[in-house]
Amino acid sequence: MFFGSKTLTHQHQVTLNNWFGNPTALWSCVFSTASNGDFQSNVWKVCQRHRPLFTIIQTTTSHTFGCFTWDSWENAPDVSGSRVQASKRSVFSSTMQSTKDEAYSSSHSNELRSFVFLLQSPTRSDPIMFPATVGSGLRRERGACVSYGLREGGPPDIFIANGCSSNDQSYTSLGKGFDNGTEAEFVLSGEKHFGVASMEIFALTDTHQSTSLV
């Protein structure tokens, strides 16, 4: 289901597809820190050509968590003070993407266009998903490989730092753009700051673009 993963167990893959809404969806690894590097330019160069995407993060303390978004990476708001320049697309591809967006929106709640989740940690094995609040999702900001939170700005819920494989500057703090309910704000990573052992990003394969929207 998630081709190329060195992190996800079979049960993790089943859980993610159930949350996505299509148990038979097929995903391909389009980015990994091991193969592509760990800086913002590395990530965005690859991911702006794809959506939807799952991002899977494994910390050096054995927490496995991640993010899902249907947001357009090339149009993600830059909360550092400027906006990402949208890449040029043909009229045909834009129309096709618009049709996919409309179909997705009609069959999925707004909150599930973006969500974050914990798959496992040293103290728990039961996966848990946290939906986005209104106006939350993928964003771009200075110093981050990947950032999720309120798209209008403010502190992020998930911040994966540039050079994340060799520092402990990444952090999580749920409760701003994603509803953590009664869970602690550091539930995803166990503590606020952490090192990243690996990060993998998966794109939905072309054969499942249409079936995922019904």
N, C-alpha and C. Protein backbone atom coordinates (compact mmCIF):
# COMPACT_ATOMS: atom_id res chain seq x y z
N MET A 1 0.81 -1.22 0.00
CA MET A 1 0.00 0.00 0.00
C MET A 1 0.85 1.27 0.00
N PHE A 2 1.90 1.29 0.82
CA PHE A 2 2.82 2.43 0.87
C PHE A 2 4.18 1.94 0.38
N PHE A 3 4.37 2.00 -0.94
CA PHE A 3 5.57 1.42 -1.55
C PHE A 3 6.81 2.24 -1.22
N GLY A 4 7.86 1.55 -0.84
CA GLY A 4 9.14 2.19 -0.56
C GLY A 4 9.35 2.60 0.87
N SER A 5 8.40 2.30 1.77
CA SER A 5 8.56 2.71 3.16
C SER A 5 9.51 1.79 3.92
N LYS A 6 10.38 2.40 4.70
CA LYS A 6 11.24 1.66 5.61
C LYS A 6 10.79 1.86 7.06
N THR A 7 9.68 2.56 7.22
CA THR A 7 9.21 2.95 8.55
C THR A 7 7.87 2.31 8.92
N LEU A 8 6.93 2.27 7.99
CA LEU A 8 5.56 1.86 8.28
C LEU A 8 5.39 0.35 8.34
N THR A 9 4.72 -0.12 9.38
CA THR A 9 4.32 -1.52 9.44
C THR A 9 3.07 -1.71 8.58
N HIS A 10 2.71 -2.95 8.34
CA HIS A 10 1.49 -3.23 7.58
C HIS A 10 0.28 -2.62 8.27
N GLN A 11 0.19 -2.75 9.59
CA GLN A 11 -0.96 -2.22 10.31
C GLN A 11 -1.00 -0.70 10.24
N HIS A 12 0.15 -0.06 10.28
CA HIS A 12 0.20 1.39 10.10
C HIS A 12 -0.40 1.77 8.75
N GLN A 13 -0.05 1.05 7.71
CA GLN A 13 -0.53 1.35 6.37
C GLN A 13 -2.04 1.18 6.28
N VAL A 14 -2.55 0.14 6.91
CA VAL A 14 -4.00 -0.08 6.93
C VAL A 14 -4.69 1.09 7.64
N THR A 15 -4.14 1.50 8.76
CA THR A 15 -4.72 2.60 9.53
C THR A 15 -4.74 3.90 8.72
N LEU A 16 -3.65 4.21 8.06
CA LEU A 16 -3.57 5.44 7.28
C LEU A 16 -4.57 5.45 6.13
N ASN A 17 -4.71 4.32 5.44
CA ASN A 17 -5.68 4.26 4.34
C ASN A 17 -7.11 4.36 4.85
N ASN A 18 -7.37 3.81 6.02
CA ASN A 18 -8.71 3.95 6.60
C ASN A 18 -9.00 5.40 6.94
N TRP A 19 -8.04 6.10 7.49
CA TRP A 19 -8.23 7.53 7.77
C TRP A 19 -8.40 8.32 6.48
N PHE A 20 -7.68 7.93 5.45
CA PHE A 20 -7.79 8.60 4.16
C PHE A 20 -9.16 8.38 3.53
N GLY A 21 -9.76 7.23 3.82
CA GLY A 21 -11.08 6.95 3.30
C GLY A 21 -11.12 5.98 2.15
N ASN A 22 -9.98 5.35 1.83
CA ASN A 22 -9.92 4.36 0.77
C ASN A 22 -8.98 3.24 1.20
N PRO A 23 -9.51 2.10 1.67
CA PRO A 23 -8.67 1.02 2.18
C PRO A 23 -7.72 0.41 1.16
N THR A 24 -7.99 0.59 -0.13
CA THR A 24 -7.15 -0.02 -1.17
C THR A 24 -6.23 0.98 -1.87
N ALA A 25 -6.16 2.21 -1.36
CA ALA A 25 -5.33 3.23 -2.00
C ALA A 25 -3.86 2.81 -2.02
N LEU A 26 -3.17 3.19 -3.09
CA LEU A 26 -1.75 2.89 -3.25
C LEU A 26 -0.95 4.18 -3.22
N TRP A 27 0.14 4.16 -2.45
CA TRP A 27 0.98 5.33 -2.28
C TRP A 27 2.42 4.98 -2.63
N SER A 28 3.16 5.94 -3.13
CA SER A 28 4.56 5.73 -3.50
C SER A 28 5.43 6.75 -2.77
N CYS A 29 6.56 6.31 -2.26
CA CYS A 29 7.49 7.20 -1.57
C CYS A 29 8.17 8.11 -2.59
N VAL A 30 7.90 9.42 -2.50
CA VAL A 30 8.48 10.37 -3.44
C VAL A 30 9.63 11.15 -2.82
N PHE A 31 9.75 11.06 -1.49
CA PHE A 31 10.81 11.78 -0.79
C PHE A 31 11.18 11.03 0.48
N SER A 32 12.47 10.98 0.76
CA SER A 32 12.96 10.50 2.06
C SER A 32 14.22 11.27 2.40
N THR A 33 14.43 11.51 3.68
CA THR A 33 15.64 12.22 4.09
C THR A 33 16.88 11.42 3.71
N ALA A 34 16.78 10.10 3.73
CA ALA A 34 17.92 9.26 3.38
C ALA A 34 18.34 9.44 1.93
N SER A 35 17.38 9.65 1.04
CA SER A 35 17.67 9.74 -0.39
C SER A 35 17.74 11.16 -0.93
N ASN A 36 16.98 12.09 -0.30
CA ASN A 36 16.82 13.41 -0.89
C ASN A 36 17.37 14.56 -0.07
N GLY A 37 17.76 14.31 1.17
CA GLY A 37 18.26 15.39 2.00
C GLY A 37 17.22 15.88 3.00
N ASP A 38 17.57 16.89 3.77
CA ASP A 38 16.67 17.33 4.85
C ASP A 38 16.58 18.85 4.97
N PHE A 39 16.55 19.52 3.81
CA PHE A 39 16.36 20.97 3.82
C PHE A 39 15.10 21.32 3.03
N GLN A 40 14.54 22.49 3.35
CA GLN A 40 13.28 22.92 2.75
C GLN A 40 13.33 22.83 1.23
N SER A 41 14.42 23.27 0.63
CA SER A 41 14.52 23.25 -0.83
C SER A 41 14.43 21.83 -1.38
N ASN A 42 14.98 20.85 -0.66
CA ASN A 42 14.90 19.46 -1.09
C ASN A 42 13.46 18.96 -1.08
N VAL A 43 12.76 19.25 0.01
CA VAL A 43 11.39 18.77 0.18
C VAL A 43 10.45 19.41 -0.84
N TRP A 44 10.48 20.73 -0.93
CA TRP A 44 9.50 21.42 -1.75
C TRP A 44 9.73 21.22 -3.24
N LYS A 45 10.97 21.01 -3.63
CA LYS A 45 11.25 20.74 -5.04
C LYS A 45 10.53 19.49 -5.50
N VAL A 46 10.45 18.48 -4.64
CA VAL A 46 9.77 17.22 -4.97
C VAL A 46 8.27 17.32 -4.77
N CYS A 47 7.86 17.85 -3.62
CA CYS A 47 6.46 17.73 -3.21
C CYS A 47 5.51 18.69 -3.91
N GLN A 48 6.01 19.77 -4.49
CA GLN A 48 5.11 20.71 -5.15
C GLN A 48 4.46 20.09 -6.39
N ARG A 49 4.95 18.96 -6.82
CA ARG A 49 4.36 18.30 -7.99
C ARG A 49 3.29 17.27 -7.61
N HIS A 50 3.04 17.10 -6.32
CA HIS A 50 2.15 16.03 -5.89
C HIS A 50 1.15 16.49 -4.84
N ARG A 51 -0.01 15.87 -4.85
CA ARG A 51 -0.97 15.90 -3.75
C ARG A 51 -2.07 14.91 -4.04
N PRO A 52 -2.68 14.36 -3.03
CA PRO A 52 -2.42 14.54 -1.60
C PRO A 52 -1.15 13.82 -1.16
N LEU A 53 -0.69 14.13 0.06
CA LEU A 53 0.55 13.55 0.56
C LEU A 53 0.43 13.16 2.03
N PHE A 54 1.08 12.06 2.37
CA PHE A 54 1.31 11.68 3.76
C PHE A 54 2.78 11.92 4.07
N THR A 55 3.07 12.57 5.19
CA THR A 55 4.44 12.73 5.68
C THR A 55 4.59 11.90 6.95
N ILE A 56 5.60 11.04 6.98
CA ILE A 56 5.83 10.16 8.13
C ILE A 56 7.17 10.52 8.76
N ILE A 57 7.16 10.80 10.05
CA ILE A 57 8.37 11.17 10.78
C ILE A 57 8.64 10.14 11.87
N GLN A 58 9.86 9.67 11.93
CA GLN A 58 10.29 8.80 13.02
C GLN A 58 11.39 9.53 13.78
N THR A 59 11.18 9.69 15.10
CA THR A 59 12.15 10.43 15.89
C THR A 59 13.26 9.51 16.39
N THR A 60 14.30 10.09 16.91
CA THR A 60 15.41 9.32 17.47
C THR A 60 15.02 8.65 18.78
N THR A 61 13.82 8.98 19.31
CA THR A 61 13.32 8.34 20.53
C THR A 61 12.17 7.38 20.22
N SER A 62 12.07 6.96 18.94
CA SER A 62 11.12 5.91 18.51
C SER A 62 9.66 6.32 18.57
N HIS A 63 9.38 7.58 18.33
CA HIS A 63 8.00 8.02 18.11
C HIS A 63 7.77 8.09 16.60
N THR A 64 6.66 7.53 16.14
CA THR A 64 6.32 7.58 14.72
C THR A 64 5.02 8.36 14.57
N PHE A 65 5.09 9.50 13.93
CA PHE A 65 3.91 10.34 13.76
C PHE A 65 3.97 10.99 12.38
N GLY A 66 2.96 11.78 12.06
CA GLY A 66 2.97 12.38 10.74
C GLY A 66 1.83 13.32 10.47
N CYS A 67 1.70 13.66 9.19
CA CYS A 67 0.73 14.64 8.73
C CYS A 67 0.15 14.18 7.40
N PHE A 68 -1.08 14.56 7.16
CA PHE A 68 -1.71 14.36 5.86
C PHE A 68 -2.23 15.71 5.38
N THR A 69 -2.09 15.96 4.09
CA THR A 69 -2.70 17.18 3.54
C THR A 69 -3.13 16.98 2.11
N TRP A 70 -4.22 17.62 1.78
CA TRP A 70 -4.64 17.77 0.40
C TRP A 70 -4.25 19.16 -0.09
N ASP A 71 -3.67 19.97 0.78
CA ASP A 71 -3.28 21.32 0.41
C ASP A 71 -2.28 21.31 -0.74
N SER A 72 -2.31 22.35 -1.53
CA SER A 72 -1.35 22.52 -2.62
C SER A 72 -0.03 23.03 -2.05
N TRP A 73 1.03 22.26 -2.22
CA TRP A 73 2.32 22.66 -1.67
C TRP A 73 2.87 23.91 -2.34
N GLU A 74 2.63 24.06 -3.65
CA GLU A 74 3.17 25.22 -4.33
C GLU A 74 2.44 26.51 -3.96
N ASN A 75 1.23 26.40 -3.38
CA ASN A 75 0.48 27.58 -2.97
C ASN A 75 0.37 27.72 -1.45
N ALA A 76 1.16 26.95 -0.71
CA ALA A 76 1.11 27.03 0.75
C ALA A 76 1.52 28.42 1.22
N PRO A 77 0.81 28.99 2.18
CA PRO A 77 1.15 30.34 2.65
C PRO A 77 2.51 30.36 3.34
N ASP A 78 3.28 31.38 3.07
CA ASP A 78 4.58 31.56 3.72
C ASP A 78 4.36 32.46 4.94
N VAL A 79 4.39 31.88 6.12
CA VAL A 79 4.13 32.65 7.33
C VAL A 79 5.38 33.39 7.81
N SER A 80 6.48 33.29 7.03
CA SER A 80 7.67 34.08 7.34
C SER A 80 7.52 35.52 6.85
N GLY A 81 6.48 35.77 6.03
CA GLY A 81 6.25 37.13 5.58
C GLY A 81 6.01 37.28 4.09
N SER A 82 6.19 36.19 3.33
CA SER A 82 5.91 36.24 1.89
C SER A 82 5.15 34.99 1.51
N ARG A 83 4.69 34.94 0.28
CA ARG A 83 3.90 33.80 -0.17
C ARG A 83 4.66 33.03 -1.24
N VAL A 84 4.56 31.71 -1.15
CA VAL A 84 5.24 30.87 -2.12
C VAL A 84 4.71 31.16 -3.51
N GLN A 85 5.59 31.31 -4.47
CA GLN A 85 5.18 31.55 -5.85
C GLN A 85 4.62 30.28 -6.45
N ALA A 86 3.40 30.37 -6.94
CA ALA A 86 2.79 29.18 -7.55
C ALA A 86 3.52 28.83 -8.82
N SER A 87 3.76 27.54 -9.02
CA SER A 87 4.40 27.10 -10.26
C SER A 87 3.38 27.16 -11.39
N LYS A 88 3.88 27.37 -12.61
CA LYS A 88 2.99 27.44 -13.76
C LYS A 88 2.47 26.05 -14.11
N ARG A 89 1.17 25.96 -14.35
CA ARG A 89 0.58 24.71 -14.76
C ARG A 89 -0.27 24.95 -15.99
N SER A 90 -0.46 23.93 -16.81
CA SER A 90 -1.28 24.07 -18.00
C SER A 90 -2.74 24.21 -17.63
N VAL A 91 -3.55 24.76 -18.55
CA VAL A 91 -4.98 24.90 -18.30
C VAL A 91 -5.59 23.53 -18.04
N PHE A 92 -5.11 22.52 -18.77
CA PHE A 92 -5.65 21.17 -18.61
C PHE A 92 -5.38 20.64 -17.22
N SER A 93 -4.13 20.73 -16.75
CA SER A 93 -3.79 20.18 -15.44
C SER A 93 -4.50 20.95 -14.35
N SER A 94 -4.65 22.27 -14.49
CA SER A 94 -5.35 23.06 -13.49
C SER A 94 -6.80 22.66 -13.39
N THR A 95 -7.43 22.44 -14.55
CA THR A 95 -8.83 22.03 -14.57
C THR A 95 -9.01 20.67 -13.92
N MET A 96 -8.11 19.74 -14.25
CA MET A 96 -8.19 18.40 -13.68
C MET A 96 -8.02 18.45 -12.17
N GLN A 97 -7.07 19.28 -11.67
CA GLN A 97 -6.86 19.37 -10.24
C GLN A 97 -8.07 19.99 -9.56
N SER A 98 -8.68 21.00 -10.20
CA SER A 98 -9.87 21.62 -9.64
C SER A 98 -10.99 20.61 -9.51
N THR A 99 -11.16 19.76 -10.52
CA THR A 99 -12.19 18.72 -10.48
C THR A 99 -11.93 17.76 -9.33
N LYS A 100 -10.68 17.37 -9.13
CA LYS A 100 -10.33 16.47 -8.03
C LYS A 100 -10.63 17.13 -6.69
N ASP A 101 -10.30 18.43 -6.56
CA ASP A 101 -10.55 19.14 -5.32
C ASP A 101 -12.04 19.18 -5.00
N GLU A 102 -12.85 19.47 -6.02
CA GLU A 102 -14.29 19.54 -5.80
C GLU A 102 -14.84 18.19 -5.36
N ALA A 103 -14.36 17.12 -6.00
CA ALA A 103 -14.82 15.78 -5.64
C ALA A 103 -14.39 15.43 -4.23
N TYR A 104 -13.17 15.78 -3.88
CA TYR A 104 -12.67 15.48 -2.52
C TYR A 104 -13.49 16.25 -1.50
N SER A 105 -13.72 17.55 -1.76
CA SER A 105 -14.45 18.37 -0.80
C SER A 105 -15.86 17.87 -0.58
N SER A 106 -16.49 17.33 -1.62
CA SER A 106 -17.87 16.89 -1.49
C SER A 106 -17.99 15.59 -0.70
N SER A 107 -16.90 14.82 -0.60
CA SER A 107 -16.99 13.52 0.06
C SER A 107 -16.17 13.44 1.34
N HIS A 108 -15.47 14.52 1.73
CA HIS A 108 -14.67 14.54 2.94
C HIS A 108 -14.97 15.81 3.71
N SER A 109 -14.99 15.71 5.04
CA SER A 109 -15.21 16.89 5.85
C SER A 109 -14.01 17.82 5.73
N ASN A 110 -14.21 19.10 5.98
CA ASN A 110 -13.15 20.10 5.86
C ASN A 110 -11.95 19.75 6.74
N GLU A 111 -12.22 19.20 7.95
CA GLU A 111 -11.16 18.90 8.89
C GLU A 111 -10.21 17.84 8.34
N LEU A 112 -10.73 16.92 7.52
CA LEU A 112 -9.90 15.82 7.04
C LEU A 112 -9.15 16.15 5.76
N ARG A 113 -9.23 17.40 5.29
CA ARG A 113 -8.33 17.82 4.22
C ARG A 113 -6.91 17.88 4.75
N SER A 114 -6.76 18.09 6.05
CA SER A 114 -5.47 18.03 6.73
C SER A 114 -5.70 17.43 8.12
N PHE A 115 -4.81 16.55 8.51
CA PHE A 115 -4.83 16.04 9.88
C PHE A 115 -3.43 15.56 10.24
N VAL A 116 -3.17 15.46 11.54
CA VAL A 116 -1.91 14.91 12.02
C VAL A 116 -2.22 13.68 12.86
N PHE A 117 -1.21 12.87 13.12
CA PHE A 117 -1.50 11.59 13.78
C PHE A 117 -0.25 11.04 14.46
N LEU A 118 -0.50 10.22 15.46
CA LEU A 118 0.54 9.43 16.12
C LEU A 118 0.27 7.97 15.82
N LEU A 119 1.26 7.28 15.28
CA LEU A 119 1.11 5.86 14.97
C LEU A 119 1.59 4.97 16.11
N GLN A 120 2.72 5.32 16.70
CA GLN A 120 3.20 4.55 17.84
C GLN A 120 4.29 5.32 18.57
N SER A 121 4.49 4.95 19.82
CA SER A 121 5.53 5.53 20.65
C SER A 121 5.97 4.47 21.66
N PRO A 122 7.02 4.71 22.40
CA PRO A 122 7.44 3.72 23.41
C PRO A 122 6.39 3.44 24.47
N THR A 123 5.43 4.35 24.65
CA THR A 123 4.43 4.17 25.71
C THR A 123 3.03 3.86 25.21
N ARG A 124 2.82 3.87 23.87
CA ARG A 124 1.50 3.53 23.36
C ARG A 124 1.61 2.96 21.96
N SER A 125 0.73 2.03 21.66
CA SER A 125 0.72 1.37 20.35
C SER A 125 -0.58 1.60 19.60
N ASP A 126 -1.52 2.32 20.23
CA ASP A 126 -2.81 2.58 19.58
C ASP A 126 -2.73 3.89 18.80
N PRO A 127 -2.89 3.84 17.48
CA PRO A 127 -2.82 5.06 16.67
C PRO A 127 -3.94 6.04 17.03
N ILE A 128 -3.64 7.32 16.88
CA ILE A 128 -4.64 8.35 17.15
C ILE A 128 -4.47 9.48 16.15
N MET A 129 -5.60 10.02 15.69
CA MET A 129 -5.59 11.07 14.67
C MET A 129 -6.16 12.36 15.26
N PHE A 130 -5.58 13.50 14.85
CA PHE A 130 -6.01 14.80 15.34
C PHE A 130 -6.40 15.67 14.15
N PRO A 131 -7.70 16.01 14.03
CA PRO A 131 -8.16 16.79 12.86
C PRO A 131 -7.74 18.24 12.94
N ALA A 132 -7.69 18.88 11.79
CA ALA A 132 -7.36 20.30 11.72
C ALA A 132 -8.54 21.14 12.17
N THR A 133 -8.24 22.28 12.79
CA THR A 133 -9.26 23.28 13.03
C THR A 133 -9.39 24.12 11.76
N VAL A 134 -10.38 24.98 11.72
CA VAL A 134 -10.63 25.78 10.53
C VAL A 134 -9.41 26.66 10.22
N GLY A 135 -8.99 26.66 8.95
CA GLY A 135 -7.87 27.51 8.55
C GLY A 135 -6.51 26.96 8.88
N SER A 136 -6.41 25.64 9.06
CA SER A 136 -5.12 25.03 9.42
C SER A 136 -4.69 24.03 8.37
N GLY A 137 -3.39 23.82 8.27
CA GLY A 137 -2.86 22.87 7.32
C GLY A 137 -1.40 23.12 7.06
N LEU A 138 -0.98 22.82 5.84
CA LEU A 138 0.41 23.00 5.42
C LEU A 138 0.75 24.47 5.28
N ARG A 139 1.96 24.82 5.68
CA ARG A 139 2.43 26.18 5.51
C ARG A 139 3.95 26.16 5.33
N ARG A 140 4.48 27.28 4.95
CA ARG A 140 5.92 27.39 4.75
C ARG A 140 6.46 28.48 5.67
N GLU A 141 7.58 28.18 6.32
CA GLU A 141 8.17 29.21 7.16
C GLU A 141 9.68 29.06 7.24
N ARG A 142 10.32 30.12 7.59
CA ARG A 142 11.78 30.17 7.63
C ARG A 142 12.33 29.10 8.57
N GLY A 143 13.31 28.35 8.09
CA GLY A 143 14.00 27.37 8.92
C GLY A 143 13.35 26.00 8.98
N ALA A 144 12.21 25.83 8.28
CA ALA A 144 11.47 24.57 8.38
C ALA A 144 11.52 23.78 7.09
N CYS A 145 11.80 22.49 7.21
CA CYS A 145 11.59 21.54 6.10
C CYS A 145 10.10 21.44 5.83
N VAL A 146 9.36 21.17 6.91
CA VAL A 146 7.92 20.98 6.85
C VAL A 146 7.30 21.67 8.06
N SER A 147 6.19 22.34 7.85
CA SER A 147 5.49 23.00 8.96
C SER A 147 3.99 22.86 8.78
N TYR A 148 3.30 22.51 9.86
CA TYR A 148 1.85 22.42 9.87
C TYR A 148 1.31 23.25 11.02
N GLY A 149 0.22 23.98 10.76
CA GLY A 149 -0.39 24.79 11.80
C GLY A 149 -1.40 25.73 11.19
N LEU A 150 -1.69 26.82 11.88
CA LEU A 150 -2.61 27.83 11.37
C LEU A 150 -1.99 28.48 10.14
N ARG A 151 -2.73 28.49 9.05
CA ARG A 151 -2.19 29.00 7.78
C ARG A 151 -2.03 30.52 7.79
N GLU A 152 -2.65 31.19 8.73
CA GLU A 152 -2.52 32.64 8.81
C GLU A 152 -1.28 33.05 9.61
N GLY A 153 -0.62 32.09 10.26
CA GLY A 153 0.58 32.40 11.01
C GLY A 153 0.48 31.96 12.47
N GLY A 154 1.44 32.36 13.26
CA GLY A 154 1.49 31.96 14.66
C GLY A 154 2.35 30.71 14.82
N PRO A 155 2.55 30.26 16.07
CA PRO A 155 3.39 29.09 16.32
C PRO A 155 2.83 27.84 15.63
N PRO A 156 3.69 26.98 15.08
CA PRO A 156 3.23 25.77 14.41
C PRO A 156 2.88 24.66 15.39
N ASP A 157 2.08 23.71 14.92
CA ASP A 157 1.82 22.49 15.69
C ASP A 157 2.94 21.48 15.46
N ILE A 158 3.43 21.43 14.22
CA ILE A 158 4.56 20.56 13.87
C ILE A 158 5.57 21.39 13.09
N PHE A 159 6.82 21.35 13.53
CA PHE A 159 7.90 22.08 12.88
C PHE A 159 9.07 21.11 12.71
N ILE A 160 9.36 20.72 11.48
CA ILE A 160 10.50 19.86 11.18
C ILE A 160 11.60 20.76 10.62
N ALA A 161 12.68 20.88 11.37
CA ALA A 161 13.71 21.86 11.07
C ALA A 161 14.58 21.48 9.89
N ASN A 162 15.09 22.49 9.22
CA ASN A 162 16.13 22.26 8.22
C ASN A 162 17.29 21.51 8.88
N GLY A 163 17.87 20.55 8.16
CA GLY A 163 18.96 19.77 8.72
C GLY A 163 18.53 18.87 9.85
N CYS A 164 17.25 18.45 9.81
CA CYS A 164 16.65 17.72 10.94
C CYS A 164 17.37 16.41 11.28
N SER A 165 18.09 15.84 10.34
CA SER A 165 18.78 14.58 10.60
C SER A 165 19.98 14.74 11.51
N SER A 166 20.45 15.97 11.66
CA SER A 166 21.66 16.19 12.44
C SER A 166 21.50 17.23 13.55
N ASN A 167 20.25 17.54 13.91
CA ASN A 167 20.03 18.45 15.03
C ASN A 167 18.76 18.06 15.78
N ASP A 168 18.50 18.73 16.89
CA ASP A 168 17.29 18.45 17.68
C ASP A 168 16.43 19.70 17.77
N GLN A 169 16.35 20.45 16.67
CA GLN A 169 15.59 21.70 16.64
C GLN A 169 14.14 21.51 16.15
N SER A 170 13.78 20.30 15.73
CA SER A 170 12.38 20.04 15.36
C SER A 170 11.54 20.00 16.63
N TYR A 171 10.25 20.36 16.50
CA TYR A 171 9.41 20.32 17.70
C TYR A 171 7.94 20.19 17.32
N THR A 172 7.15 19.76 18.30
CA THR A 172 5.70 19.69 18.16
C THR A 172 5.06 20.42 19.33
N SER A 173 3.86 20.93 19.10
CA SER A 173 3.11 21.61 20.15
C SER A 173 1.66 21.70 19.68
N LEU A 174 0.91 20.60 19.85
CA LEU A 174 -0.47 20.55 19.36
C LEU A 174 -1.39 21.48 20.14
N GLY A 175 -2.51 21.81 19.49
CA GLY A 175 -3.53 22.59 20.16
C GLY A 175 -3.77 23.95 19.55
N LYS A 176 -3.03 24.29 18.50
CA LYS A 176 -3.21 25.58 17.84
C LYS A 176 -3.99 25.40 16.54
N GLY A 177 -3.41 24.64 15.61
CA GLY A 177 -4.10 24.39 14.35
C GLY A 177 -4.75 23.02 14.28
N PHE A 178 -4.44 22.16 15.25
CA PHE A 178 -4.99 20.80 15.27
C PHE A 178 -5.50 20.49 16.67
N ASP A 179 -6.67 19.88 16.72
CA ASP A 179 -7.36 19.64 17.98
C ASP A 179 -6.79 18.42 18.69
N ASN A 180 -6.08 18.63 19.79
CA ASN A 180 -5.49 17.52 20.53
C ASN A 180 -6.39 17.01 21.64
N GLY A 181 -7.60 17.56 21.77
CA GLY A 181 -8.54 17.06 22.77
C GLY A 181 -7.95 17.07 24.16
N THR A 182 -7.94 15.90 24.81
CA THR A 182 -7.40 15.80 26.17
C THR A 182 -5.95 15.35 26.18
N GLU A 183 -5.36 15.15 25.00
CA GLU A 183 -3.98 14.70 24.93
C GLU A 183 -3.01 15.86 25.17
N ALA A 184 -1.82 15.53 25.67
CA ALA A 184 -0.79 16.54 25.92
C ALA A 184 -0.33 17.18 24.62
N GLU A 185 0.15 18.41 24.69
CA GLU A 185 0.57 19.10 23.47
C GLU A 185 1.78 18.45 22.81
N PHE A 186 2.55 17.66 23.57
CA PHE A 186 3.72 16.98 23.01
C PHE A 186 3.46 15.50 22.76
N VAL A 187 2.20 15.12 22.62
CA VAL A 187 1.85 13.71 22.47
C VAL A 187 2.51 13.06 21.25
N LEU A 188 2.72 13.82 20.19
CA LEU A 188 3.28 13.23 18.97
C LEU A 188 4.73 12.79 19.16
N SER A 189 5.51 13.61 19.83
CA SER A 189 6.95 13.37 19.93
C SER A 189 7.44 13.02 21.33
N GLY A 190 6.54 13.06 22.32
CA GLY A 190 6.94 12.71 23.68
C GLY A 190 7.55 13.85 24.46
N GLU A 191 8.24 14.73 23.80
CA GLU A 191 8.79 15.94 24.39
C GLU A 191 8.82 17.00 23.30
N LYS A 192 8.97 18.26 23.70
CA LYS A 192 8.82 19.33 22.70
C LYS A 192 9.85 19.20 21.58
N HIS A 193 11.13 19.17 21.89
CA HIS A 193 12.17 19.11 20.87
C HIS A 193 12.68 17.69 20.68
N PHE A 194 13.07 17.37 19.46
CA PHE A 194 13.50 16.00 19.17
C PHE A 194 14.38 15.98 17.93
N GLY A 195 15.11 14.88 17.77
CA GLY A 195 15.86 14.63 16.56
C GLY A 195 15.06 13.73 15.63
N VAL A 196 15.32 13.83 14.35
CA VAL A 196 14.60 13.04 13.35
C VAL A 196 15.50 11.93 12.83
N ALA A 197 15.05 10.67 13.02
CA ALA A 197 15.78 9.52 12.49
C ALA A 197 15.51 9.35 11.01
N SER A 198 14.26 9.60 10.61
CA SER A 198 13.90 9.50 9.19
C SER A 198 12.60 10.25 8.93
N MET A 199 12.46 10.70 7.70
CA MET A 199 11.20 11.29 7.25
C MET A 199 10.93 10.78 5.83
N GLU A 200 9.72 10.29 5.63
CA GLU A 200 9.29 9.79 4.32
C GLU A 200 8.01 10.50 3.92
N ILE A 201 7.88 10.82 2.64
CA ILE A 201 6.67 11.47 2.13
C ILE A 201 6.12 10.64 0.98
N PHE A 202 4.81 10.37 1.05
CA PHE A 202 4.15 9.48 0.10
C PHE A 202 3.08 10.23 -0.69
N ALA A 203 3.09 10.01 -2.01
CA ALA A 203 2.07 10.57 -2.89
C ALA A 203 1.14 9.48 -3.37
N LEU A 204 -0.12 9.83 -3.54
CA LEU A 204 -1.09 8.90 -4.07
C LEU A 204 -0.74 8.57 -5.52
N THR A 205 -0.74 7.30 -5.89
CA THR A 205 -0.39 6.92 -7.25
C THR A 205 -1.49 7.35 -8.21
N ASP A 206 -1.14 7.55 -9.47
CA ASP A 206 -2.09 8.03 -10.48
C ASP A 206 -3.30 7.12 -10.62
N THR A 207 -3.10 5.82 -10.47
CA THR A 207 -4.20 4.86 -10.66
C THR A 207 -5.24 4.98 -9.58
N HIS A 208 -4.90 5.65 -8.45
CA HIS A 208 -5.86 5.78 -7.37
C HIS A 208 -6.33 7.22 -7.15
N GLN A 209 -5.93 8.14 -8.05
CA GLN A 209 -6.38 9.52 -7.90
C GLN A 209 -7.89 9.63 -7.95
N SER A 210 -8.52 8.91 -8.86
CA SER A 210 -9.96 9.04 -9.02
C SER A 210 -10.71 8.22 -7.98
N THR A 211 -10.24 6.98 -7.71
CA THR A 211 -10.96 6.13 -6.78
C THR A 211 -10.91 6.64 -5.37
N SER A 212 -9.93 7.47 -5.04
CA SER A 212 -9.84 7.99 -3.68
C SER A 212 -10.87 9.08 -3.41
N LEU A 213 -11.52 9.56 -4.45
CA LEU A 213 -12.42 10.68 -4.30
C LEU A 213 -13.88 10.28 -4.33
N VAL A 214 -14.18 9.00 -4.24
CA VAL A 214 -15.57 8.58 -4.30
C VAL A 214 -15.99 7.98 -2.99
